[in-house]
Amino acid sequence: MSASVQALRNGDAIAWNAAYPTFWEAGMMIARLRLAGERFEQDRQDIVSTGIQQLIRGLMEGKADSFNQITTWDDCVGMLRHIVRSRIIDFLRSRERHPEDALEELPEAPQDFAPDQRFRLDELLPELDRLQPDPPVPQVFRDRFLEGWSTDEIAERRGINRNTLLTYFAKGLRTLRERLTCLEGDLS
């Protein structure tokens, strides 16, 4: 491993100050290609800044194998480009969400299922299982409402990007609402 990458891993401020302009330009190059035009300037800057922060965390914490395999400057720049591309995809997906699907956090799990609620848990579970299994929407709902995991816990444990997880959950909620509305009509 080159000394400069090791210095980054060790959190050496001088190494990070020297690397930052290279990382910034590499990230902005990808961002300008994918998000062209003046209207996206602030978004590009935010995405690249977030990407660099993710690179810093990844290198210094070394939790993921992909970060542990970085040994050269080219590897660092390549990882940053990958991160920036992923953040751009998240950005574009978030713009395509329905306004009612714009979740910042998964809803709270109900404390219990009271008898006056329209549906019992045993009625809801089969509807969860009928949700599209790929992506893992039924598991996401079970993780949230049965296991009580937070958004970040689900994202980390399932290996799903947080914004992608919110999109899966929003689409699943929309589908559940439609199905439960139909069920409610059948029960009347």
C-alpha atoms as a PDB file:
ATOM      1  CA  MET A   1       0.000   0.000   0.000  1.00  0.00           C
ATOM      2  CA  SER A   2       1.366   3.416  -0.850  1.00  0.00           C
ATOM      3  CA  ALA A   3       2.272   5.677   2.041  1.00  0.00           C
ATOM      4  CA  SER A   4      -0.182   8.329   0.871  1.00  0.00           C
ATOM      5  CA  VAL A   5      -3.191   5.983   1.005  1.00  0.00           C
ATOM      6  CA  GLN A   6      -2.032   4.771   4.406  1.00  0.00           C
ATOM      7  CA  ALA A   7      -1.837   8.401   5.530  1.00  0.00           C
ATOM      8  CA  LEU A   8      -5.454   8.878   4.409  1.00  0.00           C
ATOM      9  CA  ARG A   9      -6.488   5.779   6.360  1.00  0.00           C
ATOM     10  CA  ASN A  10      -4.723   7.195   9.427  1.00  0.00           C
ATOM     11  CA  GLY A  11      -6.637  10.472   9.091  1.00  0.00           C
ATOM     12  CA  ASP A  12      -3.542  12.552   8.334  1.00  0.00           C
ATOM     13  CA  ALA A  13      -4.869  16.078   7.782  1.00  0.00           C
ATOM     14  CA  ILE A  14      -1.996  17.034   5.465  1.00  0.00           C
ATOM     15  CA  ALA A  15      -2.656  13.991   3.249  1.00  0.00           C
ATOM     16  CA  TRP A  16      -6.388  14.767   3.115  1.00  0.00           C
ATOM     17  CA  ASN A  17      -5.722  18.452   2.287  1.00  0.00           C
ATOM     18  CA  ALA A  18      -3.446  17.360  -0.546  1.00  0.00           C
ATOM     19  CA  ALA A  19      -5.948  14.758  -1.824  1.00  0.00           C
ATOM     20  CA  TYR A  20      -9.095  16.872  -1.576  1.00  0.00           C
ATOM     21  CA  PRO A  21      -8.646  18.911  -4.797  1.00  0.00           C
ATOM     22  CA  THR A  22      -8.005  15.727  -6.797  1.00  0.00           C
ATOM     23  CA  PHE A  23     -11.059  14.026  -5.290  1.00  0.00           C
ATOM     24  CA  TRP A  24     -13.217  17.117  -5.781  1.00  0.00           C
ATOM     25  CA  GLU A  25     -12.328  17.436  -9.461  1.00  0.00           C
ATOM     26  CA  ALA A  26     -12.778  13.697 -10.110  1.00  0.00           C
ATOM     27  CA  GLY A  27     -16.208  13.764  -8.453  1.00  0.00           C
ATOM     28  CA  MET A  28     -17.275  16.947 -10.232  1.00  0.00           C
ATOM     29  CA  MET A  29     -16.233  15.504 -13.595  1.00  0.00           C
ATOM     30  CA  ILE A  30     -18.654  12.593 -13.128  1.00  0.00           C
ATOM     31  CA  ALA A  31     -21.343  14.878 -11.704  1.00  0.00           C
ATOM     32  CA  ARG A  32     -21.101  17.308 -14.648  1.00  0.00           C
ATOM     33  CA  LEU A  33     -21.477  14.435 -17.107  1.00  0.00           C
ATOM     34  CA  ARG A  34     -24.521  12.977 -15.358  1.00  0.00           C
ATOM     35  CA  LEU A  35     -26.189  16.200 -14.177  1.00  0.00           C
ATOM     36  CA  ALA A  36     -25.542  18.763 -16.878  1.00  0.00           C
ATOM     37  CA  GLY A  37     -26.713  22.362 -16.718  1.00  0.00           C
ATOM     38  CA  GLU A  38     -26.628  25.282 -14.344  1.00  0.00           C
ATOM     39  CA  ARG A  39     -29.788  24.262 -12.509  1.00  0.00           C
ATOM     40  CA  PHE A  40     -27.950  21.260 -11.034  1.00  0.00           C
ATOM     41  CA  GLU A  41     -24.830  23.133  -9.862  1.00  0.00           C
ATOM     42  CA  GLN A  42     -25.745  23.099  -6.167  1.00  0.00           C
ATOM     43  CA  ASP A  43     -26.926  19.475  -6.424  1.00  0.00           C
ATOM     44  CA  ARG A  44     -23.618  18.465  -8.035  1.00  0.00           C
ATOM     45  CA  GLN A  45     -21.659  20.158  -5.273  1.00  0.00           C
ATOM     46  CA  ASP A  46     -23.793  18.506  -2.570  1.00  0.00           C
ATOM     47  CA  ILE A  47     -23.441  15.078  -4.182  1.00  0.00           C
ATOM     48  CA  VAL A  48     -19.662  15.334  -4.572  1.00  0.00           C
ATOM     49  CA  SER A  49     -19.255  16.655  -1.037  1.00  0.00           C
ATOM     50  CA  THR A  50     -21.345  13.754   0.302  1.00  0.00           C
ATOM     51  CA  GLY A  51     -19.336  11.327  -1.831  1.00  0.00           C
ATOM     52  CA  ILE A  52     -16.036  12.586  -0.435  1.00  0.00           C
ATOM     53  CA  GLN A  53     -17.397  12.315   3.106  1.00  0.00           C
ATOM     54  CA  GLN A  54     -18.435   8.718   2.402  1.00  0.00           C
ATOM     55  CA  LEU A  55     -14.971   7.973   0.984  1.00  0.00           C
ATOM     56  CA  ILE A  56     -13.307   9.463   4.065  1.00  0.00           C
ATOM     57  CA  ARG A  57     -15.491   7.413   6.416  1.00  0.00           C
ATOM     58  CA  GLY A  58     -14.949   4.257   4.394  1.00  0.00           C
ATOM     59  CA  LEU A  59     -11.185   4.591   4.271  1.00  0.00           C
ATOM     60  CA  MET A  60     -10.786   5.512   7.914  1.00  0.00           C
ATOM     61  CA  GLU A  61     -13.268   3.000   9.355  1.00  0.00           C
ATOM     62  CA  GLY A  62     -12.349   0.188   6.965  1.00  0.00           C
ATOM     63  CA  LYS A  63     -15.561  -1.730   7.703  1.00  0.00           C
ATOM     64  CA  ALA A  64     -16.385  -2.679   4.117  1.00  0.00           C
ATOM     65  CA  ASP A  65     -14.212  -5.024   2.082  1.00  0.00           C
ATOM     66  CA  SER A  66     -14.445  -2.694  -0.901  1.00  0.00           C
ATOM     67  CA  PHE A  67     -12.674   0.042   1.091  1.00  0.00           C
ATOM     68  CA  ASN A  68     -10.143  -2.381   2.551  1.00  0.00           C
ATOM     69  CA  GLN A  69      -9.037  -3.347  -0.962  1.00  0.00           C
ATOM     70  CA  ILE A  70      -8.035   0.219  -1.836  1.00  0.00           C
ATOM     71  CA  THR A  71      -4.249   0.419  -2.097  1.00  0.00           C
ATOM     72  CA  THR A  72      -3.522   3.193  -4.620  1.00  0.00           C
ATOM     73  CA  TRP A  73      -4.628   6.720  -5.465  1.00  0.00           C
ATOM     74  CA  ASP A  74      -6.306   5.347  -8.579  1.00  0.00           C
ATOM     75  CA  ASP A  75      -8.308   2.995  -6.357  1.00  0.00           C
ATOM     76  CA  CYS A  76      -9.361   5.963  -4.197  1.00  0.00           C
ATOM     77  CA  VAL A  77     -10.436   8.010  -7.201  1.00  0.00           C
ATOM     78  CA  GLY A  78     -12.237   5.001  -8.691  1.00  0.00           C
ATOM     79  CA  MET A  79     -14.135   4.434  -5.439  1.00  0.00           C
ATOM     80  CA  LEU A  80     -15.091   8.104  -5.269  1.00  0.00           C
ATOM     81  CA  ARG A  81     -16.391   7.981  -8.840  1.00  0.00           C
ATOM     82  CA  HIS A  82     -18.438   4.905  -7.976  1.00  0.00           C
ATOM     83  CA  ILE A  83     -19.855   6.621  -4.882  1.00  0.00           C
ATOM     84  CA  VAL A  84     -20.713   9.788  -6.834  1.00  0.00           C
ATOM     85  CA  ARG A  85     -22.452   7.774  -9.564  1.00  0.00           C
ATOM     86  CA  SER A  86     -24.498   5.982  -6.892  1.00  0.00           C
ATOM     87  CA  ARG A  87     -25.462   9.269  -5.195  1.00  0.00           C
ATOM     88  CA  ILE A  88     -26.521  10.700  -8.586  1.00  0.00           C
ATOM     89  CA  ILE A  89     -28.744   7.680  -9.190  1.00  0.00           C
ATOM     90  CA  ASP A  90     -30.274   8.196  -5.721  1.00  0.00           C
ATOM     91  CA  PHE A  91     -30.799  11.886  -6.518  1.00  0.00           C
ATOM     92  CA  LEU A  92     -32.519  11.128  -9.813  1.00  0.00           C
ATOM     93  CA  ARG A  93     -34.698   8.429  -8.224  1.00  0.00           C
ATOM     94  CA  SER A  94     -35.762  10.812  -5.465  1.00  0.00           C
ATOM     95  CA  ARG A  95     -36.921  13.307  -8.103  1.00  0.00           C
ATOM     96  CA  GLU A  96     -39.090  10.603  -9.703  1.00  0.00           C
ATOM     97  CA  ARG A  97     -40.882   9.627  -6.489  1.00  0.00           C
ATOM     98  CA  HIS A  98     -44.516  10.495  -6.117  1.00  0.00           C
ATOM     99  CA  PRO A  99     -44.953  13.413  -3.697  1.00  0.00           C
ATOM    100  CA  GLU A 100     -46.805  11.139  -1.252  1.00  0.00           C
ATOM    101  CA  ASP A 101     -43.851   8.739  -1.386  1.00  0.00           C
ATOM    102  CA  ALA A 102     -41.293  11.341  -0.324  1.00  0.00           C
ATOM    103  CA  LEU A 103     -40.257   9.700   2.937  1.00  0.00           C
ATOM    104  CA  GLU A 104     -37.295  10.916   4.952  1.00  0.00           C
ATOM    105  CA  GLU A 105     -37.705   8.154   7.519  1.00  0.00           C
ATOM    106  CA  LEU A 106     -39.726   4.963   7.721  1.00  0.00           C
ATOM    107  CA  PRO A 107     -42.979   5.333   9.679  1.00  0.00           C
ATOM    108  CA  GLU A 108     -43.049   4.317  13.309  1.00  0.00           C
ATOM    109  CA  ALA A 109     -44.069   0.762  14.078  1.00  0.00           C
ATOM    110  CA  PRO A 110     -47.465   0.562  15.788  1.00  0.00           C
ATOM    111  CA  GLN A 111     -47.195  -0.267  19.489  1.00  0.00           C
ATOM    112  CA  ASP A 112     -49.966  -2.830  19.299  1.00  0.00           C
ATOM    113  CA  PHE A 113     -52.879  -3.798  17.141  1.00  0.00           C
ATOM    114  CA  ALA A 114     -55.966  -2.633  18.997  1.00  0.00           C
ATOM    115  CA  PRO A 115     -59.307  -4.386  18.402  1.00  0.00           C
ATOM    116  CA  ASP A 116     -60.832  -1.227  16.919  1.00  0.00           C
ATOM    117  CA  GLN A 117     -58.301  -1.124  14.070  1.00  0.00           C
ATOM    118  CA  ARG A 118     -59.660  -2.035  10.638  1.00  0.00           C
ATOM    119  CA  PHE A 119     -57.236  -4.937  10.090  1.00  0.00           C
ATOM    120  CA  ARG A 120     -55.601  -7.401  12.445  1.00  0.00           C
ATOM    121  CA  LEU A 121     -51.943  -8.349  12.176  1.00  0.00           C
ATOM    122  CA  ASP A 122     -52.852 -11.837  10.940  1.00  0.00           C
ATOM    123  CA  GLU A 123     -54.813 -10.194   8.094  1.00  0.00           C
ATOM    124  CA  LEU A 124     -51.978  -7.835   7.191  1.00  0.00           C
ATOM    125  CA  LEU A 125     -49.126 -10.372   7.103  1.00  0.00           C
ATOM    126  CA  PRO A 126     -50.420 -12.235   3.998  1.00  0.00           C
ATOM    127  CA  GLU A 127     -50.734  -8.876   2.225  1.00  0.00           C
ATOM    128  CA  LEU A 128     -47.122  -8.084   3.127  1.00  0.00           C
ATOM    129  CA  ASP A 129     -46.025 -11.424   1.694  1.00  0.00           C
ATOM    130  CA  ARG A 130     -47.807 -10.619  -1.570  1.00  0.00           C
ATOM    131  CA  LEU A 131     -45.704  -7.479  -2.090  1.00  0.00           C
ATOM    132  CA  GLN A 132     -43.074  -7.674  -4.807  1.00  0.00           C
ATOM    133  CA  PRO A 133     -40.297  -9.847  -3.330  1.00  0.00           C
ATOM    134  CA  ASP A 134     -37.584  -8.331  -5.506  1.00  0.00           C
ATOM    135  CA  PRO A 135     -36.579  -5.815  -4.198  1.00  0.00           C
ATOM    136  CA  PRO A 136     -37.048  -7.273  -0.709  1.00  0.00           C
ATOM    137  CA  VAL A 137     -40.132  -5.238   0.184  1.00  0.00           C
ATOM    138  CA  PRO A 138     -41.840  -7.844   2.413  1.00  0.00           C
ATOM    139  CA  GLN A 139     -38.645  -8.221   4.446  1.00  0.00           C
ATOM    140  CA  VAL A 140     -38.288  -4.438   4.756  1.00  0.00           C
ATOM    141  CA  PHE A 141     -41.796  -4.161   6.216  1.00  0.00           C
ATOM    142  CA  ARG A 142     -41.189  -7.070   8.593  1.00  0.00           C
ATOM    143  CA  ASP A 143     -37.859  -5.551   9.673  1.00  0.00           C
ATOM    144  CA  ARG A 144     -39.552  -2.241  10.431  1.00  0.00           C
ATOM    145  CA  PHE A 145     -42.869  -3.263  11.919  1.00  0.00           C
ATOM    146  CA  LEU A 146     -42.157  -6.649  13.486  1.00  0.00           C
ATOM    147  CA  GLU A 147     -38.484  -6.318  14.406  1.00  0.00           C
ATOM    148  CA  GLY A 148     -38.618  -2.569  15.094  1.00  0.00           C
ATOM    149  CA  TRP A 149     -35.411  -1.788  13.188  1.00  0.00           C
ATOM    150  CA  SER A 150     -34.709   1.832  12.228  1.00  0.00           C
ATOM    151  CA  THR A 151     -34.212   2.997   8.651  1.00  0.00           C
ATOM    152  CA  ASP A 152     -30.431   3.019   9.052  1.00  0.00           C
ATOM    153  CA  GLU A 153     -30.392  -0.424  10.694  1.00  0.00           C
ATOM    154  CA  ILE A 154     -32.410  -1.960   7.859  1.00  0.00           C
ATOM    155  CA  ALA A 155     -30.224  -0.284   5.233  1.00  0.00           C
ATOM    156  CA  GLU A 156     -27.028  -1.535   6.874  1.00  0.00           C
ATOM    157  CA  ARG A 157     -28.240  -5.046   7.680  1.00  0.00           C
ATOM    158  CA  ARG A 158     -29.804  -5.601   4.257  1.00  0.00           C
ATOM    159  CA  GLY A 159     -26.996  -3.878   2.352  1.00  0.00           C
ATOM    160  CA  ILE A 160     -29.447  -1.442   0.712  1.00  0.00           C
ATOM    161  CA  ASN A 161     -28.751   2.243   0.137  1.00  0.00           C
ATOM    162  CA  ARG A 162     -30.870   4.334   2.535  1.00  0.00           C
ATOM    163  CA  ASN A 163     -32.620   6.321  -0.213  1.00  0.00           C
ATOM    164  CA  THR A 164     -33.293   3.171  -2.217  1.00  0.00           C
ATOM    165  CA  LEU A 165     -34.758   1.590   0.919  1.00  0.00           C
ATOM    166  CA  LEU A 166     -37.101   4.572   1.347  1.00  0.00           C
ATOM    167  CA  THR A 167     -38.186   4.207  -2.288  1.00  0.00           C
ATOM    168  CA  TYR A 168     -38.909   0.485  -1.796  1.00  0.00           C
ATOM    169  CA  PHE A 169     -40.879   1.249   1.329  1.00  0.00           C
ATOM    170  CA  ALA A 170     -42.870   4.057  -0.284  1.00  0.00           C
ATOM    171  CA  LYS A 171     -43.826   1.869  -3.250  1.00  0.00           C
ATOM    172  CA  GLY A 172     -44.774  -0.950  -0.891  1.00  0.00           C
ATOM    173  CA  LEU A 173     -46.945   1.401   1.178  1.00  0.00           C
ATOM    174  CA  ARG A 174     -48.706   2.606  -1.948  1.00  0.00           C
ATOM    175  CA  THR A 175     -49.398  -0.989  -3.031  1.00  0.00           C
ATOM    176  CA  LEU A 176     -50.572  -1.951   0.461  1.00  0.00           C
ATOM    177  CA  ARG A 177     -52.939   1.023   0.597  1.00  0.00           C
ATOM    178  CA  GLU A 178     -54.499  -0.040  -2.710  1.00  0.00           C
ATOM    179  CA  ARG A 179     -54.864  -3.677  -1.623  1.00  0.00           C
ATOM    180  CA  LEU A 180     -56.251  -2.819   1.797  1.00  0.00           C
ATOM    181  CA  THR A 181     -58.728  -0.410   0.250  1.00  0.00           C
ATOM    182  CA  CYS A 182     -59.919  -3.268  -1.978  1.00  0.00           C
ATOM    183  CA  LEU A 183     -60.066  -5.627   1.008  1.00  0.00           C
ATOM    184  CA  GLU A 184     -62.007  -3.096   3.038  1.00  0.00           C
ATOM    185  CA  GLY A 185     -64.520  -2.803   0.206  1.00  0.00           C
ATOM    186  CA  ASP A 186     -64.875  -6.597   0.142  1.00  0.00           C
ATOM    187  CA  LEU A 187     -65.505  -6.654   3.896  1.00  0.00           C
ATOM    188  CA  SER A 188     -68.307  -4.074   3.749  1.00  0.00           C
END
